Amino acid sequence: MKCFRSTLIVCVLALLLFYTSVDAAPQEQRGVKIIAESAPHDAKGFITFSDIAAHVRPRVSRYTDSRQVPQYGSIDGDGELAFISLEPAAQLVASLETDHVSLQLAEDKKCLEEDKRRMAEEQAKTRDLLKTALATPSEIGRDGRFIAYHNGTVLDTRTNLMWAAKDNGANINWQDAKSYCKNYRGGGYTDWRMPTQDELAELYDETTTNVNLPADDCGGGYHLTNLIHLTCCCPWTSETRGSMAAYFGFSNGRRRWLDQSYMGSTRVLPVRSVK
């Protein structure tokens, strides 16, 4: 072991002499001799590696523009002096930093996707709540078997038919009345249609006189529940005969036929079947 250490010290001193001989000033060359003569010795008379490393480290680093920095430590149990290049270390640091950024971006992307998923779930819940609200409208009035709801609909609990709470409000021909019902979206429903004569007849009640005000050119006094507002006497029905179409009169309960193009005192009252 003594021979090994002596040989290693000679090698280190040789390296030190090499670095100090290249572009080194005489004063720095004398530094080697000073270390060899005055550096602390251990109990067996050897110069310690730590003292040699402390002297070599700053000089090697300076002469190599910090591309190499001597390190002193224990690798296999004995003190060893090694020359380490900083360039690979710098590349390693850069690589680690790149990996860190990549991991952070991946984590941020994962968090963003999780936020989008939660947002989509919340939106779906909101839509479900709206659908539930539409499916269960709040009651605002009753008249016998008829129930009026806040969404502009009236349910006939005997026939299980749901009616619009008011007619279209103006004179209309049969074809436009049919289109009106098809595009009607009262209460949020999409399955409105024209009623039949029999369905309108179910609304007729000669013992009741509707108190809602009619249109200016209509007489009023129609016989049906006050929960439905008719602005004129005669809603169209879905039945046709060639160019003729049927209507129902709520002034007297009569069923009549008119040309489909007729637009005097005619209205349309959408209806839908409740499942």
C-alpha atoms as a PDB file:
ATOM      1  CA  MET A   1       0.000   0.000   0.000  1.00  0.00           C
ATOM      2  CA  LYS A   2       2.928   2.349   0.794  1.00  0.00           C
ATOM      3  CA  CYS A   3       4.363   1.760  -2.655  1.00  0.00           C
ATOM      4  CA  PHE A   4       0.962   2.391  -4.246  1.00  0.00           C
ATOM      5  CA  ARG A   5       0.515   5.683  -2.465  1.00  0.00           C
ATOM      6  CA  SER A   6       4.031   6.789  -3.308  1.00  0.00           C
ATOM      7  CA  THR A   7       3.465   5.991  -6.958  1.00  0.00           C
ATOM      8  CA  LEU A   8       0.145   7.901  -6.935  1.00  0.00           C
ATOM      9  CA  ILE A   9       1.754  10.934  -5.332  1.00  0.00           C
ATOM     10  CA  VAL A  10       4.476  10.888  -7.998  1.00  0.00           C
ATOM     11  CA  CYS A  11       1.769  10.723 -10.704  1.00  0.00           C
ATOM     12  CA  VAL A  12      -0.138  13.613  -9.159  1.00  0.00           C
ATOM     13  CA  LEU A  13       3.028  15.687  -8.859  1.00  0.00           C
ATOM     14  CA  ALA A  14       3.864  14.862 -12.478  1.00  0.00           C
ATOM     15  CA  LEU A  15       0.413  16.099 -13.544  1.00  0.00           C
ATOM     16  CA  LEU A  16       0.868  19.186 -11.455  1.00  0.00           C
ATOM     17  CA  LEU A  17       4.234  19.862 -13.053  1.00  0.00           C
ATOM     18  CA  PHE A  18       2.640  19.362 -16.502  1.00  0.00           C
ATOM     19  CA  TYR A  19      -0.148  21.889 -15.907  1.00  0.00           C
ATOM     20  CA  THR A  20       2.150  24.430 -14.322  1.00  0.00           C
ATOM     21  CA  SER A  21       4.721  24.070 -17.121  1.00  0.00           C
ATOM     22  CA  VAL A  22       2.199  25.118 -19.775  1.00  0.00           C
ATOM     23  CA  ASP A  23       1.865  28.887 -19.810  1.00  0.00           C
ATOM     24  CA  ALA A  24       2.627  28.950 -16.081  1.00  0.00           C
ATOM     25  CA  ALA A  25       4.600  31.749 -14.471  1.00  0.00           C
ATOM     26  CA  PRO A  26       7.738  30.908 -12.446  1.00  0.00           C
ATOM     27  CA  GLN A  27       5.875  31.874  -9.283  1.00  0.00           C
ATOM     28  CA  GLU A  28       3.230  29.198  -9.904  1.00  0.00           C
ATOM     29  CA  GLN A  29       5.914  26.623 -10.761  1.00  0.00           C
ATOM     30  CA  ARG A  30       7.457  27.288  -7.384  1.00  0.00           C
ATOM     31  CA  GLY A  31       4.064  26.502  -5.855  1.00  0.00           C
ATOM     32  CA  VAL A  32       4.636  22.801  -6.578  1.00  0.00           C
ATOM     33  CA  LYS A  33       7.876  22.815  -4.674  1.00  0.00           C
ATOM     34  CA  ILE A  34       6.275  24.650  -1.818  1.00  0.00           C
ATOM     35  CA  ILE A  35       3.510  22.030  -1.552  1.00  0.00           C
ATOM     36  CA  ALA A  36       5.995  19.170  -1.755  1.00  0.00           C
ATOM     37  CA  GLU A  37       8.171  20.689   0.958  1.00  0.00           C
ATOM     38  CA  SER A  38       5.715  22.409   3.260  1.00  0.00           C
ATOM     39  CA  ALA A  39       2.344  20.652   2.850  1.00  0.00           C
ATOM     40  CA  PRO A  40       1.214  18.676   5.907  1.00  0.00           C
ATOM     41  CA  HIS A  41       2.337  15.051   6.071  1.00  0.00           C
ATOM     42  CA  ASP A  42       0.421  12.212   7.650  1.00  0.00           C
ATOM     43  CA  ALA A  43       1.737   9.970  10.422  1.00  0.00           C
ATOM     44  CA  LYS A  44       3.759   7.915   7.929  1.00  0.00           C
ATOM     45  CA  GLY A  45       5.351  10.937   6.364  1.00  0.00           C
ATOM     46  CA  PHE A  46       3.144  11.202   3.288  1.00  0.00           C
ATOM     47  CA  ILE A  47       1.647  14.375   1.871  1.00  0.00           C
ATOM     48  CA  THR A  48      -2.156  14.100   2.098  1.00  0.00           C
ATOM     49  CA  PHE A  49      -4.257  13.939  -1.070  1.00  0.00           C
ATOM     50  CA  SER A  50      -6.620  16.559   0.250  1.00  0.00           C
ATOM     51  CA  ASP A  51      -3.786  19.102   0.482  1.00  0.00           C
ATOM     52  CA  ILE A  52      -2.581  18.264  -3.017  1.00  0.00           C
ATOM     53  CA  ALA A  53      -6.136  18.458  -4.366  1.00  0.00           C
ATOM     54  CA  ALA A  54      -6.706  21.803  -2.663  1.00  0.00           C
ATOM     55  CA  HIS A  55      -3.631  23.215  -4.432  1.00  0.00           C
ATOM     56  CA  VAL A  56      -4.249  21.590  -7.851  1.00  0.00           C
ATOM     57  CA  ARG A  57      -7.993  22.271  -8.130  1.00  0.00           C
ATOM     58  CA  PRO A  58      -8.026  26.071  -8.716  1.00  0.00           C
ATOM     59  CA  ARG A  59      -5.075  26.021 -11.072  1.00  0.00           C
ATOM     60  CA  VAL A  60      -6.331  23.229 -13.316  1.00  0.00           C
ATOM     61  CA  SER A  61      -9.750  24.851 -13.396  1.00  0.00           C
ATOM     62  CA  ARG A  62      -8.244  28.188 -14.397  1.00  0.00           C
ATOM     63  CA  TYR A  63      -5.895  26.815 -17.087  1.00  0.00           C
ATOM     64  CA  THR A  64      -8.705  24.739 -18.696  1.00  0.00           C
ATOM     65  CA  ASP A  65     -11.273  27.552 -18.559  1.00  0.00           C
ATOM     66  CA  SER A  66     -13.271  25.467 -16.070  1.00  0.00           C
ATOM     67  CA  ARG A  67     -13.614  22.585 -18.533  1.00  0.00           C
ATOM     68  CA  GLN A  68     -11.888  20.348 -15.954  1.00  0.00           C
ATOM     69  CA  VAL A  69     -12.092  20.568 -12.178  1.00  0.00           C
ATOM     70  CA  PRO A  70     -10.086  18.101 -10.025  1.00  0.00           C
ATOM     71  CA  GLN A  71     -12.209  16.325  -7.437  1.00  0.00           C
ATOM     72  CA  TYR A  72     -10.973  14.502  -4.380  1.00  0.00           C
ATOM     73  CA  GLY A  73     -12.910  11.731  -2.706  1.00  0.00           C
ATOM     74  CA  SER A  74     -13.118   8.033  -1.961  1.00  0.00           C
ATOM     75  CA  ILE A  75     -14.182   5.654  -4.731  1.00  0.00           C
ATOM     76  CA  ASP A  76     -12.932   2.225  -3.593  1.00  0.00           C
ATOM     77  CA  GLY A  77     -11.951   2.989  -0.023  1.00  0.00           C
ATOM     78  CA  ASP A  78      -8.701   4.858  -0.743  1.00  0.00           C
ATOM     79  CA  GLY A  79      -8.409   8.535  -1.392  1.00  0.00           C
ATOM     80  CA  GLU A  80      -8.257   9.262  -5.105  1.00  0.00           C
ATOM     81  CA  LEU A  81      -7.774  12.414  -7.153  1.00  0.00           C
ATOM     82  CA  ALA A  82      -9.724  12.593 -10.419  1.00  0.00           C
ATOM     83  CA  PHE A  83      -9.971  15.138 -13.253  1.00  0.00           C
ATOM     84  CA  ILE A  84     -13.611  15.635 -14.251  1.00  0.00           C
ATOM     85  CA  SER A  85     -14.744  17.431 -17.399  1.00  0.00           C
ATOM     86  CA  LEU A  86     -17.585  19.889 -16.768  1.00  0.00           C
ATOM     87  CA  GLU A  87     -18.880  19.778 -20.339  1.00  0.00           C
ATOM     88  CA  PRO A  88     -20.634  16.388 -19.982  1.00  0.00           C
ATOM     89  CA  ALA A  89     -21.900  17.534 -16.614  1.00  0.00           C
ATOM     90  CA  ALA A  90     -23.335  20.664 -18.192  1.00  0.00           C
ATOM     91  CA  GLN A  91     -24.977  18.520 -20.858  1.00  0.00           C
ATOM     92  CA  LEU A  92     -26.396  16.301 -18.131  1.00  0.00           C
ATOM     93  CA  VAL A  93     -27.791  19.319 -16.282  1.00  0.00           C
ATOM     94  CA  ALA A  94     -29.328  20.629 -19.503  1.00  0.00           C
ATOM     95  CA  SER A  95     -30.816  17.199 -20.190  1.00  0.00           C
ATOM     96  CA  LEU A  96     -32.254  17.013 -16.674  1.00  0.00           C
ATOM     97  CA  GLU A  97     -33.707  20.489 -17.035  1.00  0.00           C
ATOM     98  CA  THR A  98     -35.279  19.492 -20.358  1.00  0.00           C
ATOM     99  CA  ASP A  99     -36.714  16.351 -18.778  1.00  0.00           C
ATOM    100  CA  HIS A 100     -38.070  18.432 -15.914  1.00  0.00           C
ATOM    101  CA  VAL A 101     -39.769  20.860 -18.297  1.00  0.00           C
ATOM    102  CA  SER A 102     -41.215  17.953 -20.291  1.00  0.00           C
ATOM    103  CA  LEU A 103     -42.547  16.337 -17.123  1.00  0.00           C
ATOM    104  CA  GLN A 104     -44.041  19.651 -16.001  1.00  0.00           C
ATOM    105  CA  LEU A 105     -45.733  20.152 -19.387  1.00  0.00           C
ATOM    106  CA  ALA A 106     -47.109  16.622 -19.256  1.00  0.00           C
ATOM    107  CA  GLU A 107     -48.427  17.244 -15.742  1.00  0.00           C
ATOM    108  CA  ASP A 108     -49.980  20.565 -16.803  1.00  0.00           C
ATOM    109  CA  LYS A 109     -51.628  18.856 -19.789  1.00  0.00           C
ATOM    110  CA  LYS A 110     -52.994  16.143 -17.515  1.00  0.00           C
ATOM    111  CA  CYS A 111     -54.415  18.760 -15.123  1.00  0.00           C
ATOM    112  CA  LEU A 112     -55.972  20.677 -18.037  1.00  0.00           C
ATOM    113  CA  GLU A 113     -57.625  17.533 -19.380  1.00  0.00           C
ATOM    114  CA  GLU A 114     -58.947  16.757 -15.901  1.00  0.00           C
ATOM    115  CA  ASP A 115     -60.381  20.282 -15.604  1.00  0.00           C
ATOM    116  CA  LYS A 116     -62.038  19.940 -19.031  1.00  0.00           C
ATOM    117  CA  ARG A 117     -63.510  16.597 -17.992  1.00  0.00           C
ATOM    118  CA  ARG A 118     -64.937  18.051 -14.778  1.00  0.00           C
ATOM    119  CA  MET A 119     -66.318  21.043 -16.679  1.00  0.00           C
ATOM    120  CA  ALA A 120     -68.019  18.735 -19.186  1.00  0.00           C
ATOM    121  CA  GLU A 121     -69.556  16.756 -16.313  1.00  0.00           C
ATOM    122  CA  GLU A 122     -70.849  19.953 -14.679  1.00  0.00           C
ATOM    123  CA  GLN A 123     -72.346  21.120 -17.982  1.00  0.00           C
ATOM    124  CA  ALA A 124     -74.028  17.747 -18.439  1.00  0.00           C
ATOM    125  CA  LYS A 125     -75.486  17.984 -14.925  1.00  0.00           C
ATOM    126  CA  THR A 126     -76.785  21.482 -15.681  1.00  0.00           C
ATOM    127  CA  ARG A 127     -78.455  20.267 -18.877  1.00  0.00           C
ATOM    128  CA  ASP A 128     -80.047  17.389 -16.967  1.00  0.00           C
ATOM    129  CA  LEU A 129     -81.387  19.806 -14.365  1.00  0.00           C
ATOM    130  CA  LEU A 130     -82.887  21.987 -17.096  1.00  0.00           C
ATOM    131  CA  LYS A 131     -84.493  18.975 -18.728  1.00  0.00           C
ATOM    132  CA  THR A 132     -85.924  17.922 -15.365  1.00  0.00           C
ATOM    133  CA  ALA A 133     -87.261  21.424 -14.792  1.00  0.00           C
ATOM    134  CA  LEU A 134     -88.964  21.357 -18.183  1.00  0.00           C
ATOM    135  CA  ALA A 135     -90.315  17.875 -17.592  1.00  0.00           C
ATOM    136  CA  THR A 136     -91.857  18.911 -14.258  1.00  0.00           C
ATOM    137  CA  PRO A 137     -93.253  22.448 -14.731  1.00  0.00           C
ATOM    138  CA  SER A 138     -94.609  24.267 -11.703  1.00  0.00           C
ATOM    139  CA  GLU A 139     -98.359  24.585 -11.316  1.00  0.00           C
ATOM    140  CA  ILE A 140     -99.848  28.097 -11.332  1.00  0.00           C
ATOM    141  CA  GLY A 141    -103.586  27.404 -11.391  1.00  0.00           C
ATOM    142  CA  ARG A 142    -106.418  24.853 -11.494  1.00  0.00           C
ATOM    143  CA  ASP A 143    -109.906  24.810 -12.938  1.00  0.00           C
ATOM    144  CA  GLY A 144    -111.590  21.491 -12.316  1.00  0.00           C
ATOM    145  CA  ARG A 145    -109.773  18.897 -14.373  1.00  0.00           C
ATOM    146  CA  PHE A 146    -107.507  21.523 -15.986  1.00  0.00           C
ATOM    147  CA  ILE A 147    -104.067  22.430 -14.584  1.00  0.00           C
ATOM    148  CA  ALA A 148    -102.168  25.509 -15.786  1.00  0.00           C
ATOM    149  CA  TYR A 149     -98.362  25.579 -15.638  1.00  0.00           C
ATOM    150  CA  HIS A 150     -95.839  28.415 -15.588  1.00  0.00           C
ATOM    151  CA  ASN A 151     -94.439  27.412 -19.001  1.00  0.00           C
ATOM    152  CA  GLY A 152     -97.582  28.425 -20.913  1.00  0.00           C
ATOM    153  CA  THR A 153     -99.263  25.027 -21.045  1.00  0.00           C
ATOM    154  CA  VAL A 154    -102.583  23.645 -19.744  1.00  0.00           C
ATOM    155  CA  LEU A 155    -103.110  19.954 -19.004  1.00  0.00           C
ATOM    156  CA  ASP A 156    -106.497  18.290 -19.361  1.00  0.00           C
ATOM    157  CA  THR A 157    -106.235  15.476 -16.807  1.00  0.00           C
ATOM    158  CA  ARG A 158    -109.271  13.682 -18.259  1.00  0.00           C
ATOM    159  CA  THR A 159    -108.058  13.385 -21.853  1.00  0.00           C
ATOM    160  CA  ASN A 160    -104.313  13.572 -21.043  1.00  0.00           C
ATOM    161  CA  LEU A 161    -103.920  16.270 -23.659  1.00  0.00           C
ATOM    162  CA  MET A 162    -101.713  19.298 -23.117  1.00  0.00           C
ATOM    163  CA  TRP A 163    -102.862  22.559 -24.719  1.00  0.00           C
ATOM    164  CA  ALA A 164    -101.161  25.836 -25.432  1.00  0.00           C
ATOM    165  CA  ALA A 165    -102.438  28.389 -22.898  1.00  0.00           C
ATOM    166  CA  LYS A 166    -103.396  30.754 -25.737  1.00  0.00           C
ATOM    167  CA  ASP A 167    -104.040  30.659 -29.486  1.00  0.00           C
ATOM    168  CA  ASN A 168    -101.862  32.269 -32.182  1.00  0.00           C
ATOM    169  CA  GLY A 169    -103.589  35.645 -31.650  1.00  0.00           C
ATOM    170  CA  ALA A 170    -104.496  36.634 -35.236  1.00  0.00           C
ATOM    171  CA  ASN A 171    -106.457  35.553 -38.320  1.00  0.00           C
ATOM    172  CA  ILE A 172    -104.721  32.672 -40.098  1.00  0.00           C
ATOM    173  CA  ASN A 173    -105.409  30.276 -42.994  1.00  0.00           C
ATOM    174  CA  TRP A 174    -105.324  26.508 -42.572  1.00  0.00           C
ATOM    175  CA  GLN A 175    -101.889  25.860 -44.139  1.00  0.00           C
ATOM    176  CA  ASP A 176    -100.215  28.522 -42.001  1.00  0.00           C
ATOM    177  CA  ALA A 177    -102.037  27.163 -38.940  1.00  0.00           C
ATOM    178  CA  LYS A 178    -100.567  23.715 -39.603  1.00  0.00           C
ATOM    179  CA  SER A 179     -97.072  25.209 -39.957  1.00  0.00           C
ATOM    180  CA  TYR A 180     -97.562  27.230 -36.771  1.00  0.00           C
ATOM    181  CA  CYS A 181     -98.246  24.075 -34.764  1.00  0.00           C
ATOM    182  CA  LYS A 182     -95.329  22.217 -36.302  1.00  0.00           C
ATOM    183  CA  ASN A 183     -92.886  24.952 -35.277  1.00  0.00           C
ATOM    184  CA  TYR A 184     -94.464  25.735 -31.902  1.00  0.00           C
ATOM    185  CA  ARG A 185     -92.110  25.228 -28.936  1.00  0.00           C
ATOM    186  CA  GLY A 186     -94.326  26.095 -25.983  1.00  0.00           C
ATOM    187  CA  GLY A 187     -93.050  24.666 -22.675  1.00  0.00           C
ATOM    188  CA  GLY A 188     -89.897  23.484 -24.443  1.00  0.00           C
ATOM    189  CA  TYR A 189     -91.758  20.671 -26.213  1.00  0.00           C
ATOM    190  CA  THR A 190     -91.322  19.888 -29.904  1.00  0.00           C
ATOM    191  CA  ASP A 191     -94.247  17.531 -30.626  1.00  0.00           C
ATOM    192  CA  TRP A 192     -97.095  20.052 -30.944  1.00  0.00           C
ATOM    193  CA  ARG A 193     -99.729  19.472 -33.644  1.00  0.00           C
ATOM    194  CA  MET A 194    -103.158  20.640 -34.870  1.00  0.00           C
ATOM    195  CA  PRO A 195    -106.080  19.276 -32.849  1.00  0.00           C
ATOM    196  CA  THR A 196    -108.969  17.252 -34.254  1.00  0.00           C
ATOM    197  CA  GLN A 197    -112.590  18.386 -34.058  1.00  0.00           C
ATOM    198  CA  ASP A 198    -113.277  15.823 -31.344  1.00  0.00           C
ATOM    199  CA  GLU A 199    -110.328  17.022 -29.264  1.00  0.00           C
ATOM    200  CA  LEU A 200    -111.511  20.643 -29.464  1.00  0.00           C
ATOM    201  CA  ALA A 201    -115.036  19.488 -28.616  1.00  0.00           C
ATOM    202  CA  GLU A 202    -113.662  18.043 -25.351  1.00  0.00           C
ATOM    203  CA  LEU A 203    -112.742  21.612 -24.334  1.00  0.00           C
ATOM    204  CA  TYR A 204    -116.211  22.976 -25.058  1.00  0.00           C
ATOM    205  CA  ASP A 205    -118.331  23.575 -21.940  1.00  0.00           C
ATOM    206  CA  GLU A 206    -121.594  25.450 -22.441  1.00  0.00           C
ATOM    207  CA  THR A 207    -121.887  26.021 -18.680  1.00  0.00           C
ATOM    208  CA  THR A 208    -118.730  28.107 -18.670  1.00  0.00           C
ATOM    209  CA  THR A 209    -118.126  31.499 -20.277  1.00  0.00           C
ATOM    210  CA  ASN A 210    -114.478  32.466 -20.755  1.00  0.00           C
ATOM    211  CA  VAL A 211    -113.654  35.852 -19.216  1.00  0.00           C
ATOM    212  CA  ASN A 212    -110.477  36.513 -21.217  1.00  0.00           C
ATOM    213  CA  LEU A 213    -110.703  39.501 -23.553  1.00  0.00           C
ATOM    214  CA  PRO A 214    -111.100  38.615 -27.246  1.00  0.00           C
ATOM    215  CA  ALA A 215    -109.544  40.447 -30.175  1.00  0.00           C
ATOM    216  CA  ASP A 216    -111.151  43.738 -31.209  1.00  0.00           C
ATOM    217  CA  ASP A 217    -113.048  42.224 -34.153  1.00  0.00           C
ATOM    218  CA  CYS A 218    -114.302  39.176 -32.215  1.00  0.00           C
ATOM    219  CA  GLY A 219    -117.299  38.984 -29.912  1.00  0.00           C
ATOM    220  CA  GLY A 220    -116.021  36.955 -26.974  1.00  0.00           C
ATOM    221  CA  GLY A 221    -118.079  34.875 -24.562  1.00  0.00           C
ATOM    222  CA  TYR A 222    -116.480  31.564 -25.601  1.00  0.00           C
ATOM    223  CA  HIS A 223    -117.397  28.410 -23.689  1.00  0.00           C
ATOM    224  CA  LEU A 224    -114.234  26.805 -22.320  1.00  0.00           C
ATOM    225  CA  THR A 225    -111.981  26.963 -19.259  1.00  0.00           C
ATOM    226  CA  ASN A 226    -110.592  30.373 -18.303  1.00  0.00           C
ATOM    227  CA  LEU A 227    -107.095  28.845 -18.195  1.00  0.00           C
ATOM    228  CA  ILE A 228    -107.029  28.886 -22.027  1.00  0.00           C
ATOM    229  CA  HIS A 229    -107.213  32.222 -23.812  1.00  0.00           C
ATOM    230  CA  LEU A 230    -109.028  32.239 -27.183  1.00  0.00           C
ATOM    231  CA  THR A 231    -108.806  35.575 -28.973  1.00  0.00           C
ATOM    232  CA  CYS A 232    -111.514  34.567 -31.475  1.00  0.00           C
ATOM    233  CA  CYS A 233    -114.188  31.915 -31.827  1.00  0.00           C
ATOM    234  CA  CYS A 234    -112.987  29.416 -34.308  1.00  0.00           C
ATOM    235  CA  PRO A 235    -109.761  27.349 -34.213  1.00  0.00           C
ATOM    236  CA  TRP A 236    -108.826  25.251 -37.246  1.00  0.00           C
ATOM    237  CA  THR A 237    -108.716  21.441 -36.918  1.00  0.00           C
ATOM    238  CA  SER A 238    -106.537  18.865 -38.663  1.00  0.00           C
ATOM    239  CA  GLU A 239    -109.386  17.354 -40.785  1.00  0.00           C
ATOM    240  CA  THR A 240    -109.526  18.280 -44.490  1.00  0.00           C
ATOM    241  CA  ARG A 241    -111.699  17.494 -47.511  1.00  0.00           C
ATOM    242  CA  GLY A 242    -109.975  18.464 -50.713  1.00  0.00           C
ATOM    243  CA  SER A 243    -109.516  22.231 -50.504  1.00  0.00           C
ATOM    244  CA  MET A 244    -111.758  22.466 -47.438  1.00  0.00           C
ATOM    245  CA  ALA A 245    -110.746  22.214 -43.772  1.00  0.00           C
ATOM    246  CA  ALA A 246    -112.779  21.930 -40.581  1.00  0.00           C
ATOM    247  CA  TYR A 247    -112.930  24.335 -37.653  1.00  0.00           C
ATOM    248  CA  PHE A 248    -114.716  24.291 -34.291  1.00  0.00           C
ATOM    249  CA  GLY A 249    -116.792  27.207 -32.965  1.00  0.00           C
ATOM    250  CA  PHE A 250    -116.584  27.914 -29.233  1.00  0.00           C
ATOM    251  CA  SER A 251    -119.464  30.383 -29.396  1.00  0.00           C
ATOM    252  CA  ASN A 252    -122.001  27.607 -29.965  1.00  0.00           C
ATOM    253  CA  GLY A 253    -120.115  24.304 -30.220  1.00  0.00           C
ATOM    254  CA  ARG A 254    -120.699  23.903 -33.975  1.00  0.00           C
ATOM    255  CA  ARG A 255    -118.388  22.139 -36.428  1.00  0.00           C
ATOM    256  CA  ARG A 256    -118.000  23.839 -39.797  1.00  0.00           C
ATOM    257  CA  TRP A 257    -116.001  23.565 -43.037  1.00  0.00           C
ATOM    258  CA  LEU A 258    -114.269  26.426 -44.778  1.00  0.00           C
ATOM    259  CA  ASP A 259    -111.903  26.879 -47.680  1.00  0.00           C
ATOM    260  CA  GLN A 260    -108.355  26.396 -46.418  1.00  0.00           C
ATOM    261  CA  SER A 261    -107.461  29.889 -47.590  1.00  0.00           C
ATOM    262  CA  TYR A 262    -110.104  31.532 -45.381  1.00  0.00           C
ATOM    263  CA  MET A 263    -108.763  33.955 -42.759  1.00  0.00           C
ATOM    264  CA  GLY A 264    -111.789  35.451 -40.975  1.00  0.00           C
ATOM    265  CA  SER A 265    -112.120  34.835 -37.199  1.00  0.00           C
ATOM    266  CA  THR A 266    -109.981  31.707 -37.532  1.00  0.00           C
ATOM    267  CA  ARG A 267    -107.243  30.811 -35.057  1.00  0.00           C
ATOM    268  CA  VAL A 268    -105.099  27.808 -34.187  1.00  0.00           C
ATOM    269  CA  LEU A 269    -104.626  26.219 -30.732  1.00  0.00           C
ATOM    270  CA  PRO A 270    -101.691  23.751 -30.603  1.00  0.00           C
ATOM    271  CA  VAL A 271    -102.075  20.486 -28.691  1.00  0.00           C
ATOM    272  CA  ARG A 272     -99.852  17.542 -27.755  1.00  0.00           C
ATOM    273  CA  SER A 273    -100.446  14.139 -26.224  1.00  0.00           C
ATOM    274  CA  VAL A 274     -98.917  13.574 -22.776  1.00  0.00           C
ATOM    275  CA  LYS A 275     -97.182  10.212 -22.533  1.00  0.00           C
END
